[in-house]
Amino acid sequence: MRLTDIFHKVDTISPDEAKQLLSDSKNEIMLIDVREPGEYEQGHLPGAVLLPMSGIMDKMNDLDPSKPIITY
């Protein structure tokens, strides 16, 4: 699976819009934290999955392409 197979269109949204989408979605949205493990351990959003940019290509198959994805 290639990165372009999952990320067809990228929209930028505000933190308030992300919060609203997450509260309305009933877990239909994947929340991905793309920072490094040390940053994630210092604090992350509830429900966020750690998938650092440095290893994202190795973990592409872990993503569900049928769900919208919010990354931060």
N, C-alpha and C. Protein backbone atom coordinates (compact mmCIF):
# COMPACT_ATOMS: atom_id res chain seq x y z
N MET A 1 0.85 -1.17 0.00
CA MET A 1 0.00 0.00 0.00
C MET A 1 0.89 1.23 0.00
N ARG A 2 0.54 2.18 -0.83
CA ARG A 2 1.30 3.42 -0.91
C ARG A 2 0.60 4.52 -0.12
N LEU A 3 1.36 5.49 0.28
CA LEU A 3 0.82 6.63 1.02
C LEU A 3 -0.31 7.29 0.24
N THR A 4 -0.17 7.40 -1.06
CA THR A 4 -1.20 8.06 -1.87
C THR A 4 -2.47 7.23 -1.96
N ASP A 5 -2.43 5.96 -1.63
CA ASP A 5 -3.64 5.14 -1.62
C ASP A 5 -4.57 5.52 -0.47
N ILE A 6 -4.04 6.11 0.56
CA ILE A 6 -4.85 6.47 1.72
C ILE A 6 -5.13 7.97 1.76
N PHE A 7 -4.12 8.77 1.54
CA PHE A 7 -4.25 10.22 1.66
C PHE A 7 -4.50 10.85 0.30
N HIS A 8 -5.73 10.73 -0.18
CA HIS A 8 -6.08 11.31 -1.48
C HIS A 8 -6.22 12.82 -1.42
N LYS A 9 -6.92 13.29 -0.43
CA LYS A 9 -7.17 14.72 -0.29
C LYS A 9 -6.86 15.12 1.14
N VAL A 10 -6.17 16.21 1.29
CA VAL A 10 -5.81 16.69 2.62
C VAL A 10 -6.44 18.05 2.84
N ASP A 11 -7.28 18.12 3.83
CA ASP A 11 -7.88 19.39 4.22
C ASP A 11 -7.25 19.84 5.54
N THR A 12 -7.12 21.12 5.71
CA THR A 12 -6.65 21.68 6.97
C THR A 12 -7.87 22.15 7.74
N ILE A 13 -7.93 21.75 9.01
CA ILE A 13 -9.04 22.17 9.86
C ILE A 13 -8.48 22.77 11.14
N SER A 14 -9.30 23.55 11.79
CA SER A 14 -8.89 24.19 13.04
C SER A 14 -9.02 23.18 14.19
N PRO A 15 -8.36 23.47 15.31
CA PRO A 15 -8.54 22.61 16.48
C PRO A 15 -10.01 22.49 16.90
N ASP A 16 -10.76 23.58 16.81
CA ASP A 16 -12.17 23.53 17.18
C ASP A 16 -12.96 22.63 16.23
N GLU A 17 -12.64 22.69 14.93
CA GLU A 17 -13.31 21.82 13.97
C GLU A 17 -12.97 20.36 14.22
N ALA A 18 -11.71 20.08 14.55
CA ALA A 18 -11.30 18.71 14.85
C ALA A 18 -12.03 18.19 16.08
N LYS A 19 -12.11 19.03 17.10
CA LYS A 19 -12.81 18.64 18.32
C LYS A 19 -14.27 18.31 18.03
N GLN A 20 -14.91 19.13 17.22
CA GLN A 20 -16.31 18.90 16.86
C GLN A 20 -16.46 17.61 16.06
N LEU A 21 -15.59 17.39 15.09
CA LEU A 21 -15.65 16.15 14.29
C LEU A 21 -15.47 14.92 15.17
N LEU A 22 -14.52 14.99 16.08
CA LEU A 22 -14.26 13.85 16.96
C LEU A 22 -15.43 13.59 17.91
N SER A 23 -16.06 14.64 18.38
CA SER A 23 -17.18 14.44 19.30
C SER A 23 -18.42 13.94 18.58
N ASP A 24 -18.57 14.28 17.31
CA ASP A 24 -19.72 13.85 16.52
C ASP A 24 -19.54 12.48 15.87
N SER A 25 -18.32 12.00 15.80
CA SER A 25 -18.02 10.84 14.95
C SER A 25 -18.31 9.48 15.56
N LYS A 26 -18.40 9.38 16.89
CA LYS A 26 -18.60 8.09 17.55
C LYS A 26 -17.53 7.09 17.11
N ASN A 27 -16.27 7.52 17.19
CA ASN A 27 -15.10 6.69 16.86
C ASN A 27 -15.00 6.30 15.39
N GLU A 28 -15.62 7.05 14.51
CA GLU A 28 -15.52 6.78 13.08
C GLU A 28 -14.28 7.42 12.47
N ILE A 29 -13.59 8.25 13.24
CA ILE A 29 -12.40 8.94 12.76
C ILE A 29 -11.18 8.39 13.47
N MET A 30 -10.12 8.14 12.69
CA MET A 30 -8.85 7.72 13.29
C MET A 30 -8.06 8.98 13.63
N LEU A 31 -7.59 9.07 14.86
CA LEU A 31 -6.80 10.20 15.33
C LEU A 31 -5.35 9.74 15.43
N ILE A 32 -4.49 10.29 14.59
CA ILE A 32 -3.10 9.85 14.49
C ILE A 32 -2.17 10.96 14.96
N ASP A 33 -1.32 10.64 15.93
CA ASP A 33 -0.28 11.54 16.43
C ASP A 33 1.00 11.18 15.69
N VAL A 34 1.51 12.08 14.87
CA VAL A 34 2.67 11.79 14.03
C VAL A 34 3.99 12.27 14.64
N ARG A 35 3.95 12.64 15.91
CA ARG A 35 5.18 13.08 16.57
C ARG A 35 6.00 11.86 16.98
N GLU A 36 7.12 12.09 17.58
CA GLU A 36 8.00 11.00 18.03
C GLU A 36 7.55 10.49 19.40
N PRO A 37 7.94 9.27 19.77
CA PRO A 37 7.47 8.66 21.02
C PRO A 37 7.65 9.53 22.27
N GLY A 38 8.78 10.19 22.40
CA GLY A 38 9.00 11.03 23.57
C GLY A 38 8.00 12.16 23.68
N GLU A 39 7.65 12.74 22.55
CA GLU A 39 6.66 13.82 22.54
C GLU A 39 5.28 13.27 22.88
N TYR A 40 4.95 12.10 22.33
CA TYR A 40 3.67 11.45 22.60
C TYR A 40 3.53 11.14 24.08
N GLU A 41 4.61 10.64 24.69
CA GLU A 41 4.58 10.28 26.11
C GLU A 41 4.39 11.49 27.01
N GLN A 42 4.84 12.65 26.55
CA GLN A 42 4.68 13.87 27.34
C GLN A 42 3.23 14.34 27.35
N GLY A 43 2.45 13.88 26.42
CA GLY A 43 1.04 14.23 26.36
C GLY A 43 0.49 14.07 24.96
N HIS A 44 -0.72 13.55 24.87
CA HIS A 44 -1.38 13.38 23.59
C HIS A 44 -2.89 13.43 23.79
N LEU A 45 -3.59 13.59 22.70
CA LEU A 45 -5.05 13.65 22.77
C LEU A 45 -5.62 12.28 23.10
N PRO A 46 -6.69 12.22 23.88
CA PRO A 46 -7.31 10.93 24.20
C PRO A 46 -7.73 10.20 22.92
N GLY A 47 -7.39 8.94 22.86
CA GLY A 47 -7.75 8.11 21.70
C GLY A 47 -6.77 8.18 20.55
N ALA A 48 -5.75 9.04 20.66
CA ALA A 48 -4.77 9.17 19.58
C ALA A 48 -3.86 7.95 19.53
N VAL A 49 -3.54 7.55 18.30
CA VAL A 49 -2.63 6.44 18.06
C VAL A 49 -1.30 7.04 17.62
N LEU A 50 -0.21 6.57 18.20
CA LEU A 50 1.11 7.05 17.82
C LEU A 50 1.55 6.39 16.52
N LEU A 51 1.84 7.20 15.52
CA LEU A 51 2.37 6.73 14.24
C LEU A 51 3.33 7.79 13.73
N PRO A 52 4.57 7.78 14.27
CA PRO A 52 5.53 8.84 13.94
C PRO A 52 5.79 8.96 12.45
N MET A 53 5.98 10.18 11.99
CA MET A 53 6.30 10.42 10.59
C MET A 53 7.54 9.64 10.17
N SER A 54 8.47 9.45 11.11
CA SER A 54 9.71 8.75 10.77
C SER A 54 9.47 7.28 10.41
N GLY A 55 8.32 6.73 10.77
CA GLY A 55 8.05 5.33 10.45
C GLY A 55 6.70 5.09 9.81
N ILE A 56 6.09 6.16 9.31
CA ILE A 56 4.73 6.04 8.80
C ILE A 56 4.62 5.08 7.61
N MET A 57 5.62 5.04 6.77
CA MET A 57 5.54 4.15 5.61
C MET A 57 5.54 2.68 6.03
N ASP A 58 6.18 2.37 7.14
CA ASP A 58 6.21 0.99 7.63
C ASP A 58 4.88 0.56 8.25
N LYS A 59 4.05 1.50 8.61
CA LYS A 59 2.80 1.20 9.32
C LYS A 59 1.55 1.52 8.51
N MET A 60 1.68 1.80 7.23
CA MET A 60 0.54 2.18 6.41
C MET A 60 -0.57 1.14 6.44
N ASN A 61 -0.22 -0.13 6.53
CA ASN A 61 -1.24 -1.18 6.53
C ASN A 61 -2.05 -1.21 7.82
N ASP A 62 -1.60 -0.49 8.86
CA ASP A 62 -2.34 -0.43 10.12
C ASP A 62 -3.51 0.56 10.05
N LEU A 63 -3.53 1.38 9.01
CA LEU A 63 -4.59 2.38 8.88
C LEU A 63 -5.78 1.81 8.14
N ASP A 64 -6.96 2.19 8.56
CA ASP A 64 -8.20 1.75 7.91
C ASP A 64 -8.57 2.78 6.84
N PRO A 65 -8.40 2.44 5.57
CA PRO A 65 -8.66 3.43 4.51
C PRO A 65 -10.14 3.82 4.38
N SER A 66 -11.02 3.09 5.04
CA SER A 66 -12.44 3.44 4.95
C SER A 66 -12.83 4.51 5.96
N LYS A 67 -11.93 4.85 6.89
CA LYS A 67 -12.23 5.87 7.91
C LYS A 67 -11.48 7.17 7.61
N PRO A 68 -12.13 8.29 7.90
CA PRO A 68 -11.39 9.56 7.82
C PRO A 68 -10.28 9.58 8.86
N ILE A 69 -9.22 10.29 8.56
CA ILE A 69 -8.06 10.35 9.44
C ILE A 69 -7.75 11.81 9.78
N ILE A 70 -7.55 12.06 11.06
CA ILE A 70 -7.05 13.36 11.51
C ILE A 70 -5.66 13.12 12.04
N THR A 71 -4.69 13.87 11.52
CA THR A 71 -3.31 13.76 12.01
C THR A 71 -2.91 15.08 12.67
N TYR A 72 -2.03 14.94 13.64
CA TYR A 72 -1.46 16.13 14.27
C TYR A 72 -0.06 15.81 14.75
